[in-house]
Amino acid sequence: MRAAIGSTNPIKVAATRSVMRRIFGAGVVIVPVAGGVSAQPWGDVETRRGAIHRAHTALLNATDAELGLGLEGGVRTCAYAGAGPFLESSSLYR
């Protein structure tokens, strides 16, 4: 099996190669794909849209892959923002 990743980002490619090789024994084809969303996606909907676009486009453009993968980093708002002792003592982490 071969998977196509819709990115040339070295971190995304390395992570994808590692997982695909270790879990599935599969190779990875790198396909340059624009995210199809803003440079910094905002919110879950736009981030998912970018990842799906990358996966679909990568699979369409890689003739020797059976699986398309898209990784898209995005920003979302969170009610629990902060750092330091607050987070360590928060009930969210128990």
N, C-alpha and C. Protein backbone atom coordinates (compact mmCIF):
# COMPACT_ATOMS: atom_id res chain seq x y z
N MET A 1 0.84 -1.18 0.00
CA MET A 1 0.00 0.00 0.00
C MET A 1 0.89 1.23 0.00
N ARG A 2 0.42 2.27 -0.69
CA ARG A 2 1.09 3.57 -0.70
C ARG A 2 0.06 4.64 -0.39
N ALA A 3 0.49 5.61 0.39
CA ALA A 3 -0.37 6.73 0.75
C ALA A 3 0.21 8.01 0.17
N ALA A 4 -0.64 8.91 -0.25
CA ALA A 4 -0.22 10.21 -0.76
C ALA A 4 -0.52 11.26 0.30
N ILE A 5 0.49 12.05 0.67
CA ILE A 5 0.27 13.14 1.61
C ILE A 5 0.27 14.45 0.82
N GLY A 6 -0.75 15.25 1.06
CA GLY A 6 -0.89 16.51 0.36
C GLY A 6 -0.15 17.64 1.03
N SER A 7 1.17 17.51 1.11
CA SER A 7 1.99 18.54 1.74
C SER A 7 3.46 18.27 1.43
N THR A 8 4.25 19.35 1.43
CA THR A 8 5.70 19.19 1.34
C THR A 8 6.35 19.63 2.64
N ASN A 9 5.54 19.95 3.64
CA ASN A 9 6.05 20.36 4.95
C ASN A 9 6.86 19.20 5.55
N PRO A 10 8.14 19.41 5.84
CA PRO A 10 8.98 18.31 6.31
C PRO A 10 8.49 17.63 7.59
N ILE A 11 7.90 18.39 8.48
CA ILE A 11 7.40 17.82 9.74
C ILE A 11 6.19 16.92 9.46
N LYS A 12 5.26 17.40 8.64
CA LYS A 12 4.09 16.59 8.30
C LYS A 12 4.48 15.33 7.53
N VAL A 13 5.43 15.48 6.60
CA VAL A 13 5.88 14.34 5.80
C VAL A 13 6.56 13.31 6.70
N ALA A 14 7.44 13.75 7.59
CA ALA A 14 8.16 12.82 8.47
C ALA A 14 7.20 12.09 9.40
N ALA A 15 6.23 12.79 9.96
CA ALA A 15 5.26 12.15 10.85
C ALA A 15 4.43 11.12 10.09
N THR A 16 3.99 11.50 8.89
CA THR A 16 3.19 10.59 8.07
C THR A 16 3.99 9.36 7.68
N ARG A 17 5.22 9.55 7.25
CA ARG A 17 6.06 8.41 6.87
C ARG A 17 6.27 7.46 8.05
N SER A 18 6.53 8.03 9.21
CA SER A 18 6.77 7.22 10.40
C SER A 18 5.57 6.35 10.75
N VAL A 19 4.40 6.96 10.78
CA VAL A 19 3.18 6.23 11.14
C VAL A 19 2.81 5.21 10.07
N MET A 20 2.85 5.60 8.82
CA MET A 20 2.46 4.68 7.75
C MET A 20 3.40 3.48 7.68
N ARG A 21 4.68 3.71 7.88
CA ARG A 21 5.65 2.61 7.82
C ARG A 21 5.48 1.70 9.03
N ARG A 22 5.39 2.30 10.23
CA ARG A 22 5.34 1.53 11.47
C ARG A 22 4.04 0.74 11.62
N ILE A 23 2.93 1.34 11.30
CA ILE A 23 1.64 0.69 11.53
C ILE A 23 1.17 -0.13 10.33
N PHE A 24 1.38 0.40 9.14
CA PHE A 24 0.83 -0.27 7.95
C PHE A 24 1.89 -0.86 7.03
N GLY A 25 3.17 -0.61 7.30
CA GLY A 25 4.22 -1.06 6.40
C GLY A 25 4.10 -0.43 5.03
N ALA A 26 3.57 0.78 4.99
CA ALA A 26 3.26 1.45 3.73
C ALA A 26 4.25 2.57 3.42
N GLY A 27 4.43 2.84 2.13
CA GLY A 27 5.23 3.95 1.68
C GLY A 27 4.38 5.20 1.53
N VAL A 28 5.05 6.33 1.37
CA VAL A 28 4.35 7.61 1.25
C VAL A 28 4.85 8.35 0.01
N VAL A 29 3.91 8.88 -0.75
CA VAL A 29 4.20 9.71 -1.92
C VAL A 29 3.90 11.16 -1.52
N ILE A 30 4.85 12.06 -1.75
CA ILE A 30 4.66 13.47 -1.42
C ILE A 30 4.05 14.18 -2.62
N VAL A 31 2.93 14.86 -2.39
CA VAL A 31 2.24 15.59 -3.46
C VAL A 31 2.06 17.03 -3.00
N PRO A 32 2.69 18.00 -3.67
CA PRO A 32 2.49 19.40 -3.30
C PRO A 32 1.04 19.81 -3.54
N VAL A 33 0.38 20.26 -2.48
CA VAL A 33 -1.03 20.66 -2.58
C VAL A 33 -1.23 21.91 -1.73
N ALA A 34 -1.86 22.92 -2.28
CA ALA A 34 -2.24 24.10 -1.49
C ALA A 34 -3.41 23.71 -0.60
N GLY A 35 -3.47 24.31 0.57
CA GLY A 35 -4.51 23.95 1.53
C GLY A 35 -5.93 24.23 1.08
N GLY A 36 -6.09 25.20 0.19
CA GLY A 36 -7.44 25.55 -0.25
C GLY A 36 -8.21 26.36 0.78
N VAL A 37 -7.53 26.77 1.85
CA VAL A 37 -8.13 27.60 2.89
C VAL A 37 -7.15 28.75 3.17
N SER A 38 -7.47 29.61 4.12
CA SER A 38 -6.57 30.74 4.41
C SER A 38 -5.22 30.23 4.93
N ALA A 39 -4.22 31.09 4.89
CA ALA A 39 -2.87 30.71 5.31
C ALA A 39 -2.86 30.20 6.75
N GLN A 40 -3.70 30.75 7.61
CA GLN A 40 -3.86 30.26 8.97
C GLN A 40 -5.34 29.98 9.21
N PRO A 41 -5.75 28.73 8.98
CA PRO A 41 -7.17 28.39 9.16
C PRO A 41 -7.64 28.73 10.58
N TRP A 42 -8.86 29.23 10.66
CA TRP A 42 -9.43 29.62 11.93
C TRP A 42 -10.67 28.77 12.21
N GLY A 43 -10.63 27.99 13.25
CA GLY A 43 -11.76 27.18 13.65
C GLY A 43 -11.71 25.78 13.06
N ASP A 44 -12.49 24.90 13.66
CA ASP A 44 -12.51 23.50 13.27
C ASP A 44 -13.00 23.28 11.84
N VAL A 45 -14.01 24.02 11.43
CA VAL A 45 -14.59 23.81 10.10
C VAL A 45 -13.58 24.11 9.00
N GLU A 46 -12.92 25.27 9.09
CA GLU A 46 -11.95 25.63 8.05
C GLU A 46 -10.74 24.70 8.09
N THR A 47 -10.31 24.32 9.28
CA THR A 47 -9.16 23.42 9.40
C THR A 47 -9.47 22.05 8.79
N ARG A 48 -10.64 21.51 9.10
CA ARG A 48 -11.05 20.22 8.51
C ARG A 48 -11.18 20.33 6.99
N ARG A 49 -11.74 21.44 6.53
CA ARG A 49 -11.90 21.64 5.09
C ARG A 49 -10.54 21.61 4.40
N GLY A 50 -9.53 22.24 5.00
CA GLY A 50 -8.19 22.23 4.43
C GLY A 50 -7.58 20.83 4.42
N ALA A 51 -7.76 20.08 5.49
CA ALA A 51 -7.21 18.72 5.56
C ALA A 51 -7.88 17.81 4.54
N ILE A 52 -9.19 17.91 4.42
CA ILE A 52 -9.92 17.08 3.45
C ILE A 52 -9.52 17.44 2.03
N HIS A 53 -9.38 18.73 1.76
CA HIS A 53 -8.96 19.18 0.43
C HIS A 53 -7.57 18.62 0.09
N ARG A 54 -6.65 18.69 1.04
CA ARG A 54 -5.30 18.17 0.81
C ARG A 54 -5.33 16.66 0.53
N ALA A 55 -6.08 15.92 1.33
CA ALA A 55 -6.14 14.46 1.16
C ALA A 55 -6.74 14.09 -0.19
N HIS A 56 -7.84 14.71 -0.53
CA HIS A 56 -8.54 14.41 -1.79
C HIS A 56 -7.66 14.76 -2.99
N THR A 57 -7.08 15.95 -2.97
CA THR A 57 -6.25 16.39 -4.09
C THR A 57 -4.99 15.55 -4.22
N ALA A 58 -4.38 15.18 -3.09
CA ALA A 58 -3.18 14.33 -3.13
C ALA A 58 -3.51 12.99 -3.77
N LEU A 59 -4.62 12.39 -3.39
CA LEU A 59 -4.99 11.09 -3.95
C LEU A 59 -5.29 11.19 -5.44
N LEU A 60 -5.96 12.27 -5.85
CA LEU A 60 -6.25 12.45 -7.27
C LEU A 60 -4.99 12.63 -8.12
N ASN A 61 -3.95 13.23 -7.54
CA ASN A 61 -2.74 13.54 -8.29
C ASN A 61 -1.61 12.52 -8.14
N ALA A 62 -1.79 11.54 -7.30
CA ALA A 62 -0.77 10.50 -7.13
C ALA A 62 -1.28 9.23 -7.81
N THR A 63 -0.66 8.85 -8.90
CA THR A 63 -1.15 7.70 -9.66
C THR A 63 -0.84 6.37 -8.98
N ASP A 64 0.09 6.36 -8.02
CA ASP A 64 0.48 5.10 -7.39
C ASP A 64 0.13 5.03 -5.91
N ALA A 65 -0.95 5.70 -5.49
CA ALA A 65 -1.37 5.68 -4.09
C ALA A 65 -2.82 5.19 -3.98
N GLU A 66 -3.09 4.49 -2.89
CA GLU A 66 -4.45 4.01 -2.61
C GLU A 66 -5.13 4.81 -1.52
N LEU A 67 -4.39 5.68 -0.86
CA LEU A 67 -4.92 6.44 0.28
C LEU A 67 -4.40 7.86 0.20
N GLY A 68 -5.27 8.84 0.43
CA GLY A 68 -4.86 10.24 0.48
C GLY A 68 -4.91 10.74 1.91
N LEU A 69 -3.88 11.46 2.30
CA LEU A 69 -3.81 12.01 3.66
C LEU A 69 -3.60 13.51 3.61
N GLY A 70 -4.32 14.22 4.47
CA GLY A 70 -4.18 15.67 4.55
C GLY A 70 -4.05 16.10 6.00
N LEU A 71 -3.02 16.85 6.30
CA LEU A 71 -2.81 17.40 7.63
C LEU A 71 -2.88 18.92 7.52
N GLU A 72 -3.72 19.53 8.33
CA GLU A 72 -3.88 20.99 8.29
C GLU A 72 -3.88 21.51 9.71
N GLY A 73 -2.99 22.45 10.01
CA GLY A 73 -2.96 23.07 11.33
C GLY A 73 -3.86 24.29 11.35
N GLY A 74 -4.61 24.44 12.42
CA GLY A 74 -5.51 25.57 12.53
C GLY A 74 -5.55 26.11 13.95
N VAL A 75 -6.23 27.21 14.11
CA VAL A 75 -6.37 27.86 15.41
C VAL A 75 -7.84 27.82 15.80
N ARG A 76 -8.08 27.59 17.06
CA ARG A 76 -9.47 27.66 17.54
C ARG A 76 -9.51 28.34 18.90
N THR A 77 -10.63 28.91 19.23
CA THR A 77 -10.76 29.55 20.53
C THR A 77 -11.02 28.48 21.58
N CYS A 78 -10.62 28.79 22.79
CA CYS A 78 -10.76 27.83 23.88
C CYS A 78 -11.16 28.59 25.14
N ALA A 79 -12.12 28.08 25.86
CA ALA A 79 -12.56 28.73 27.09
C ALA A 79 -11.52 28.60 28.19
N TYR A 80 -10.62 27.64 28.06
CA TYR A 80 -9.63 27.39 29.10
C TYR A 80 -8.23 27.74 28.60
N ALA A 81 -7.97 29.02 28.45
CA ALA A 81 -6.65 29.46 28.00
C ALA A 81 -5.87 29.94 29.21
N GLY A 82 -4.62 29.64 29.25
CA GLY A 82 -3.77 30.05 30.35
C GLY A 82 -2.55 29.16 30.41
N ALA A 83 -1.72 29.41 31.38
CA ALA A 83 -0.51 28.61 31.52
C ALA A 83 -0.11 28.55 32.98
N GLY A 84 0.78 27.65 33.27
CA GLY A 84 1.34 27.57 34.61
C GLY A 84 0.49 26.77 35.58
N PRO A 85 0.55 27.10 36.86
CA PRO A 85 -0.09 26.30 37.91
C PRO A 85 -1.60 26.13 37.71
N PHE A 86 -2.25 27.12 37.11
CA PHE A 86 -3.70 27.00 36.90
C PHE A 86 -4.03 25.73 36.14
N LEU A 87 -3.32 25.50 35.03
CA LEU A 87 -3.63 24.33 34.21
C LEU A 87 -3.29 23.04 34.94
N GLU A 88 -2.20 23.01 35.69
CA GLU A 88 -1.81 21.80 36.38
C GLU A 88 -2.82 21.43 37.46
N SER A 89 -3.46 22.41 38.08
CA SER A 89 -4.42 22.12 39.15
C SER A 89 -5.85 22.07 38.64
N SER A 90 -6.04 22.34 37.38
CA SER A 90 -7.38 22.36 36.82
C SER A 90 -8.03 20.99 36.82
N SER A 91 -9.33 20.95 37.04
CA SER A 91 -10.06 19.68 37.00
C SER A 91 -10.06 19.07 35.60
N LEU A 92 -9.71 19.87 34.58
CA LEU A 92 -9.66 19.34 33.21
C LEU A 92 -8.58 18.29 33.05
N TYR A 93 -7.55 18.34 33.89
CA TYR A 93 -6.41 17.45 33.75
C TYR A 93 -6.37 16.36 34.81
N ARG A 94 -7.49 16.08 35.44
CA ARG A 94 -7.54 15.01 36.45
C ARG A 94 -8.34 13.85 35.95
